[in-house]
């Protein structure tokens, strides 16, 4: 199986050298667990270190804020944006028509960007925001499956973020995302400690324990040789 280096220091040691190429990975966690930072670092280091163009799709945040957040770590993204190696796109999901129609249009737009720019890394942040536009959980689940399947056809290595309840056994917002994903990575924040757990990763002999990580001036650094007791997570 071909692997994609994550660009997150310490992570690849937990997952046999990298994410399965072309896979869809769910990155879940409660508020403030650094899901967006993790995703931005995946895109930035992919462009910087591996020359892999990336697309960061945001549902709620302003693209300028995403860029500013990247720059707050000292990441020089302007040149890579000019070269179209880092791209930020905001979904236009204002309810003009049915949500399904809008999602199809946005999927078509993303497909065009991926093909035009040769995108290899894709982030969707976050699937939880769909709830602000659709109240029926069964409809959300159905459209999430359709959306994820459409993105999988693009042959990118994709990270979906999902905000969960702040409990250690909550792995998705709607109870369906972890089943549509090829891998699940969970982030925890039990002040003042942060930790990461690879819940599943298809085709990978991944770590089965929880590991600490830190936020440094350069982004997330995971400590693969250290472990956190499951009982210590709240």
Foldseek 3Di string as FASTA:
>chain_A
DDFDAQQAAPACVQWVRHAPFLFEEEEEAAPPLCPLLSQLSSQLCCCVPVVAAEEEEEAPDDPVVSVVVLCQLVRDCPVVVVVRSYHYHYQDQDPPDDSLVSLVVVLVVVLVSCVVRVHAEYEYPELQVVCVVDVDLVVSLVSVLVSLVSVSVSRHHYYYYAHFDQDPPTQHNRVRVVVSGQWGKYWHCDPPWIKIATPHHPPTPGDHFIWTWDQDSNGIHTDNVDGDDPVVGD
